Amino acid sequence: MDDISSELDKENANLMLKYLINNSVQTIMTSINFSHFANHNDVVLFHVEHNGEFSNVK
């Protein structure tokens, strides 16, 4: 899913994320808004740099 935070408000983005977590669906999502997903413990977040390197966020 590409930039879910631009398509859905925080409440609906969290509903979508809860659905994916509850159904054990592996998903790769991009987002420019970290706060949409900060409160979920079942989510792994990482940041990709412009040079292709990445760092773990959570």
Protein backbone atom coordinates (compact mmCIF):
# COMPACT_ATOMS: atom_id res chain seq x y z
CA MET A 1 0.00 0.00 0.00
CA ASP A 2 1.46 3.31 -1.02
CA ASP A 3 1.17 6.25 1.39
CA ILE A 4 -1.92 5.09 3.25
CA SER A 5 -1.81 8.21 5.43
CA SER A 6 -2.57 10.39 2.41
CA GLU A 7 -5.60 8.28 1.46
CA LEU A 8 -7.14 7.62 4.88
CA ASP A 9 -7.54 9.69 8.00
CA LYS A 10 -5.89 8.42 11.19
CA GLU A 11 -9.00 6.59 12.43
CA ASN A 12 -9.56 4.70 9.18
CA ALA A 13 -5.86 3.98 8.69
CA ASN A 14 -5.83 2.38 12.15
CA LEU A 15 -8.93 0.33 11.30
CA MET A 16 -7.19 -0.95 8.18
CA LEU A 17 -4.04 -1.73 10.14
CA LYS A 18 -5.99 -3.59 12.85
CA TYR A 19 -7.71 -5.65 10.14
CA LEU A 20 -4.37 -6.61 8.60
CA ILE A 21 -2.85 -7.48 12.00
CA ASN A 22 -5.88 -9.51 13.15
CA ASN A 23 -5.86 -11.52 9.91
CA SER A 24 -2.07 -12.13 9.98
CA VAL A 25 -1.57 -10.44 6.62
CA GLN A 26 2.01 -9.50 5.77
CA THR A 27 1.90 -6.07 4.14
CA ILE A 28 4.44 -3.51 3.05
CA MET A 29 3.14 0.03 3.35
CA THR A 30 4.65 3.42 2.71
CA SER A 31 3.66 6.51 4.62
CA ILE A 32 4.94 10.01 5.12
CA ASN A 33 3.09 10.25 8.44
CA PHE A 34 4.69 8.07 11.15
CA SER A 35 2.07 8.99 13.77
CA HIS A 36 -0.62 6.92 12.03
CA PHE A 37 1.16 3.73 13.09
CA ALA A 38 3.18 4.67 16.17
CA ASN A 39 0.76 3.07 18.67
CA HIS A 40 0.85 -0.45 17.22
CA ASN A 41 3.20 -2.98 18.80
CA ASP A 42 2.72 -5.56 16.02
CA VAL A 43 4.22 -3.29 13.37
CA VAL A 44 7.85 -3.06 12.30
CA LEU A 45 8.84 0.36 11.02
CA PHE A 46 11.95 1.39 9.13
CA HIS A 47 13.16 4.49 7.36
CA VAL A 48 14.72 4.31 3.89
CA GLU A 49 17.30 6.98 3.09
CA HIS A 50 17.69 8.53 -0.36
CA ASN A 51 20.94 6.59 -0.84
CA GLY A 52 19.13 3.26 -0.33
CA GLU A 53 20.31 2.65 3.23
CA PHE A 54 17.72 2.05 5.92
CA SER A 55 17.43 2.32 9.68
CA ASN A 56 15.04 0.64 12.09
CA VAL A 57 12.56 3.00 13.69
CA LYS A 58 10.58 0.59 15.83
